[in-house]
Amino acid sequence: MGQTSEIWRCLGRYLKQLFKYAQLHEIILKNPFDVVTRPTQINTKRERKQENYLNSKQLTRFLNYWETKPVPQYAYFRFLAYTGLRRGEIIALTWDDIDFKNKKVHINKSVGLDYRNHETNMYLKSVKTGAGNRTLSVDGKTLEIMKAYKAIAPKNAMNVIWPGKHTYMDFNVPERWLQRMRKELPKRDDDLKHVSLHGLRHTHATLLFEQAASQGKAAPIKAVQKRLGHADVAMTLQIYTHATNKEDEIIDDILDTGFN
């Protein structure tokens, strides 16, 4: 399909130039391609990407599933969903980064991948942008889950929260957890199966906007930007302001009562 579309685009450009040449030499009066508008091709991959998040009810069911699994897995997905961290940031966390007393987590590093020499190596690096160096508030329940995990967490020299064979947990491990979930979920939970690790970051931002709207508050755009570590607020607006069903209901109510 993609190759066929490219052939038609090339043919269209060729014919437009051909008619332009004919018009230039007064063989024809007008170039018919001047009034031709090529239809915009829908990027289905982008559309699917925009749907890669959970609403509040779906997130509750998602976390209920992980609550029945080993504590490290439950802690990982709970922390990811309630902080919106990038996957490299959460893997890089050490226990020293979490301030249980003040309910904060400090984000100052990330794990990267090096694919040189036909090998994949993990390494520690600075956060993605200057804005990525940040301190986030963490809710009480998430911290309780993290305390329960810390009590049984494997000890390691770097004090990494989710350690792995090469100091840090491999990027593929949480992906495999999700794959296992997709196979185990019953048919009624098919709507949970599309979410990815990045989708949970998307979920975190979307639900912050949703909850603000449900409480009649303005969207906390700058606060969400800071929380996600975006250097540019345009990125926050572009990626994370998709309307949820609850926001649609609010708009319906507004329209029913009128703009007073």
Protein backbone atom coordinates (compact mmCIF):
# COMPACT_ATOMS: atom_id res chain seq x y z
CA MET A 1 0.00 0.00 0.00
CA GLY A 2 2.77 2.44 0.90
CA GLN A 3 4.71 1.72 -2.28
CA THR A 4 1.55 2.16 -4.41
CA SER A 5 0.84 5.54 -2.80
CA GLU A 6 4.38 6.72 -3.54
CA ILE A 7 4.00 5.69 -7.23
CA TRP A 8 0.82 7.77 -7.54
CA ARG A 9 2.49 10.77 -5.88
CA CYS A 10 5.40 10.59 -8.33
CA LEU A 11 3.02 10.26 -11.28
CA GLY A 12 1.02 13.27 -10.05
CA ARG A 13 4.16 15.42 -9.79
CA TYR A 14 5.27 14.34 -13.27
CA LEU A 15 1.89 15.16 -14.87
CA LYS A 16 1.74 18.54 -13.14
CA GLN A 17 5.16 19.46 -14.60
CA LEU A 18 4.11 18.15 -18.00
CA PHE A 19 1.00 20.33 -18.09
CA LYS A 20 3.00 23.27 -16.77
CA TYR A 21 5.36 22.89 -19.73
CA ALA A 22 2.38 22.75 -22.12
CA GLN A 23 0.90 25.91 -20.54
CA LEU A 24 4.25 27.72 -20.78
CA HIS A 25 4.35 27.05 -24.53
CA GLU A 26 0.69 28.07 -24.91
CA ILE A 27 -0.38 24.58 -25.96
CA ILE A 28 -3.05 24.76 -23.22
CA LEU A 29 -4.51 27.81 -21.45
CA LYS A 30 -4.62 26.43 -17.92
CA ASN A 31 -2.87 23.74 -15.97
CA PRO A 32 -5.65 21.46 -14.65
CA PHE A 33 -3.37 20.30 -11.83
CA ASP A 34 -3.39 23.81 -10.33
CA VAL A 35 -6.86 23.10 -8.94
CA VAL A 36 -6.20 19.54 -7.87
CA THR A 37 -5.98 18.97 -4.12
CA ARG A 38 -4.40 15.76 -3.02
CA PRO A 39 -6.32 14.17 -0.13
CA THR A 40 -4.45 13.97 3.14
CA GLN A 41 -3.39 10.45 3.99
CA ILE A 42 -4.45 9.31 7.43
CA ASN A 43 -1.53 8.18 9.56
CA THR A 44 -3.11 5.14 11.23
CA LYS A 45 0.01 4.48 13.27
CA ARG A 46 -0.21 7.95 14.76
CA GLU A 47 -3.91 7.49 15.49
CA ARG A 48 -3.22 4.25 17.33
CA LYS A 49 -0.42 5.92 19.26
CA GLN A 50 -2.81 8.64 20.44
CA GLU A 51 -5.15 5.98 21.85
CA ASN A 52 -2.33 4.37 23.84
CA TYR A 53 -3.53 5.33 27.31
CA LEU A 54 -6.01 4.21 29.97
CA ASN A 55 -8.86 6.11 31.56
CA SER A 56 -9.25 6.14 35.35
CA LYS A 57 -11.46 3.03 35.52
CA GLN A 58 -9.17 1.10 33.20
CA LEU A 59 -6.10 2.08 35.22
CA THR A 60 -7.77 0.79 38.39
CA ARG A 61 -8.42 -2.57 36.74
CA PHE A 62 -4.88 -2.58 35.33
CA LEU A 63 -3.32 -2.07 38.76
CA ASN A 64 -5.72 -4.57 40.36
CA TYR A 65 -4.25 -7.16 38.02
CA TRP A 66 -0.67 -6.33 39.04
CA GLU A 67 -1.58 -6.33 42.75
CA THR A 68 -1.98 -10.11 42.45
CA LYS A 69 1.53 -10.48 40.98
CA PRO A 70 4.98 -10.39 42.63
CA VAL A 71 5.62 -7.20 44.60
CA PRO A 72 8.45 -5.91 42.34
CA GLN A 73 6.10 -5.97 39.33
CA TYR A 74 3.21 -4.32 41.17
CA ALA A 75 5.53 -1.66 42.59
CA TYR A 76 7.00 -0.96 39.16
CA PHE A 77 3.68 -0.41 37.38
CA ARG A 78 2.14 1.52 40.26
CA PHE A 79 5.15 3.85 40.45
CA LEU A 80 5.23 4.30 36.66
CA ALA A 81 1.51 5.09 36.42
CA TYR A 82 1.57 7.55 39.33
CA THR A 83 4.73 9.45 38.37
CA GLY A 84 4.74 9.40 34.56
CA LEU A 85 8.48 8.67 34.38
CA ARG A 86 10.25 7.67 31.20
CA ARG A 87 11.26 4.01 31.19
CA GLY A 88 14.97 4.87 31.34
CA GLU A 89 14.33 7.15 34.33
CA ILE A 90 12.45 4.57 36.39
CA ILE A 91 15.04 1.86 35.74
CA ALA A 92 17.83 4.21 36.88
CA LEU A 93 16.18 4.98 40.25
CA THR A 94 17.98 4.14 43.46
CA TRP A 95 16.46 4.00 46.92
CA ASP A 96 18.34 7.20 47.76
CA ASP A 97 16.23 9.01 45.15
CA ILE A 98 13.02 8.45 47.11
CA ASP A 99 12.36 10.73 50.07
CA PHE A 100 9.73 8.75 51.99
CA LYS A 101 9.45 11.38 54.73
CA ASN A 102 8.65 14.28 52.43
CA LYS A 103 6.85 12.14 49.80
CA LYS A 104 9.19 13.08 46.97
CA VAL A 105 11.25 11.39 44.28
CA HIS A 106 14.30 13.03 42.69
CA ILE A 107 14.84 12.43 38.97
CA ASN A 108 18.42 13.18 37.99
CA LYS A 109 19.58 10.31 35.77
CA SER A 110 18.45 7.79 33.19
CA VAL A 111 19.59 4.50 31.70
CA GLY A 112 20.52 4.48 28.03
CA LEU A 113 21.34 1.75 25.52
CA ASP A 114 24.52 1.50 23.43
CA TYR A 115 24.24 -0.68 20.33
CA ARG A 116 27.85 -0.42 19.12
CA ASN A 117 30.09 -3.41 18.28
CA HIS A 118 27.07 -5.63 17.66
CA GLU A 119 26.27 -5.63 21.36
CA THR A 120 23.64 -3.95 23.50
CA ASN A 121 25.09 -2.32 26.61
CA MET A 122 23.33 -0.31 29.29
CA TYR A 123 24.88 2.84 30.69
CA LEU A 124 23.94 5.62 33.08
CA LYS A 125 23.41 9.08 31.61
CA SER A 126 21.97 12.45 32.53
CA VAL A 127 18.24 13.03 32.08
CA LYS A 128 16.89 13.78 28.60
CA THR A 129 16.73 17.57 28.99
CA GLY A 130 17.52 20.21 31.58
CA ALA A 131 13.83 20.16 32.45
CA GLY A 132 14.16 16.42 33.04
CA ASN A 133 16.12 17.08 36.22
CA ARG A 134 13.20 17.44 38.60
CA THR A 135 11.61 16.53 41.93
CA LEU A 136 8.12 15.03 41.96
CA SER A 137 5.56 14.53 44.68
CA VAL A 138 4.46 10.93 45.24
CA ASP A 139 1.14 9.86 46.75
CA GLY A 140 0.95 8.00 50.05
CA LYS A 141 -0.40 4.69 48.73
CA THR A 142 2.35 4.43 46.12
CA LEU A 143 4.96 5.05 48.81
CA GLU A 144 3.41 2.34 51.02
CA ILE A 145 3.74 -0.12 48.14
CA MET A 146 7.35 0.97 47.61
CA LYS A 147 8.11 0.47 51.33
CA ALA A 148 6.67 -3.04 51.16
CA TYR A 149 8.85 -3.76 48.16
CA LYS A 150 11.95 -2.23 49.77
CA ALA A 151 11.62 -4.66 52.70
CA ILE A 152 12.13 -7.61 50.34
CA ALA A 153 14.11 -5.97 47.52
CA PRO A 154 17.42 -7.62 46.57
CA LYS A 155 20.48 -5.81 47.88
CA ASN A 156 22.99 -4.48 45.34
CA ALA A 157 26.08 -2.31 45.38
CA MET A 158 24.44 0.58 43.47
CA ASN A 159 21.29 0.53 45.64
CA VAL A 160 19.20 0.30 42.46
CA ILE A 161 15.47 -0.19 43.10
CA TRP A 162 14.93 -2.62 40.22
CA PRO A 163 18.35 -4.28 39.75
CA GLY A 164 19.23 -6.63 36.92
CA LYS A 165 21.96 -8.88 35.64
CA HIS A 166 24.02 -5.87 34.51
CA THR A 167 23.28 -3.56 37.46
CA TYR A 168 20.02 -2.25 35.98
CA MET A 169 16.92 -4.19 35.00
CA ASP A 170 16.85 -4.89 31.28
CA PHE A 171 14.42 -2.75 29.26
CA ASN A 172 12.78 -5.92 27.94
CA VAL A 173 11.79 -7.24 31.36
CA PRO A 174 8.77 -4.92 31.89
CA GLU A 175 7.82 -5.50 28.25
CA ARG A 176 7.72 -9.24 28.94
CA TRP A 177 5.58 -8.60 32.01
CA LEU A 178 3.09 -6.74 29.83
CA GLN A 179 3.10 -9.50 27.21
CA ARG A 180 2.29 -12.04 29.89
CA MET A 181 -0.55 -9.82 31.13
CA ARG A 182 -2.04 -9.60 27.64
CA LYS A 183 -2.15 -13.38 27.43
CA GLU A 184 -3.67 -13.82 30.89
CA LEU A 185 -6.33 -11.12 30.81
CA PRO A 186 -9.88 -12.37 30.24
CA LYS A 187 -11.90 -11.26 27.23
CA ARG A 188 -13.73 -8.58 29.20
CA ASP A 189 -10.40 -6.81 29.79
CA ASP A 190 -9.35 -6.58 26.14
CA ASP A 191 -9.38 -2.78 26.43
CA LEU A 192 -6.32 -2.95 28.71
CA LYS A 193 -4.17 -4.92 26.31
CA HIS A 194 -3.13 -2.07 24.02
CA VAL A 195 -1.33 0.03 26.63
CA SER A 196 2.47 0.17 26.48
CA LEU A 197 5.07 1.42 28.95
CA HIS A 198 5.04 4.83 27.29
CA GLY A 199 1.25 4.61 27.32
CA LEU A 200 1.35 4.64 31.12
CA ARG A 201 3.27 7.93 30.97
CA HIS A 202 0.56 9.17 28.63
CA THR A 203 -2.07 7.83 31.06
CA HIS A 204 -0.54 9.72 33.98
CA ALA A 205 -0.68 13.06 32.16
CA THR A 206 -4.15 12.51 30.71
CA LEU A 207 -5.65 11.61 34.10
CA LEU A 208 -4.12 14.68 35.72
CA PHE A 209 -5.99 16.79 33.16
CA GLU A 210 -9.13 14.70 33.59
CA GLN A 211 -9.19 14.99 37.38
CA ALA A 212 -8.64 18.75 37.21
CA ALA A 213 -11.56 19.09 34.79
CA SER A 214 -13.85 16.92 36.95
CA GLN A 215 -13.13 19.23 39.91
CA GLY A 216 -13.89 22.32 37.85
CA LYS A 217 -10.25 23.42 37.82
CA ALA A 218 -8.17 24.73 34.94
CA ALA A 219 -5.88 22.22 33.24
CA PRO A 220 -2.53 22.32 35.12
CA ILE A 221 -0.54 22.46 31.91
CA LYS A 222 2.66 24.00 33.28
CA ALA A 223 2.64 21.70 36.31
CA VAL A 224 2.18 18.62 34.11
CA GLN A 225 4.94 19.87 31.80
CA LYS A 226 7.30 20.15 34.76
CA ARG A 227 6.23 16.75 36.11
CA LEU A 228 6.86 15.02 32.80
CA GLY A 229 10.18 16.79 32.28
CA HIS A 230 9.21 18.36 28.95
CA ALA A 231 11.48 21.20 27.89
CA ASP A 232 8.73 22.73 25.74
CA VAL A 233 5.11 23.15 26.84
CA ALA A 234 4.04 22.62 23.23
CA MET A 235 5.07 18.99 23.58
CA THR A 236 2.81 18.63 26.62
CA LEU A 237 -0.10 20.18 24.76
CA GLN A 238 0.48 18.17 21.60
CA ILE A 239 0.84 14.74 23.12
CA TYR A 240 -1.02 14.72 26.39
CA THR A 241 -4.25 16.70 26.05
CA HIS A 242 -6.45 14.13 24.34
CA ALA A 243 -10.00 14.33 25.65
CA THR A 244 -11.16 11.48 27.85
CA ASN A 245 -14.74 10.28 28.07
CA LYS A 246 -15.20 12.13 31.34
CA GLU A 247 -14.12 15.41 29.75
CA ASP A 248 -16.54 14.78 26.87
CA GLU A 249 -19.36 14.39 29.39
CA ILE A 250 -18.41 17.71 30.98
CA ILE A 251 -18.58 19.40 27.58
CA ASP A 252 -21.99 17.79 26.94
CA ASP A 253 -23.27 19.19 30.23
CA ILE A 254 -21.97 22.66 29.36
CA LEU A 255 -23.67 22.58 25.96
CA ASP A 256 -26.95 21.37 27.47
CA THR A 257 -27.06 24.22 29.99
CA GLY A 258 -25.77 26.80 27.52
CA PHE A 259 -22.96 29.35 27.69
CA ASN A 260 -24.10 31.50 30.59
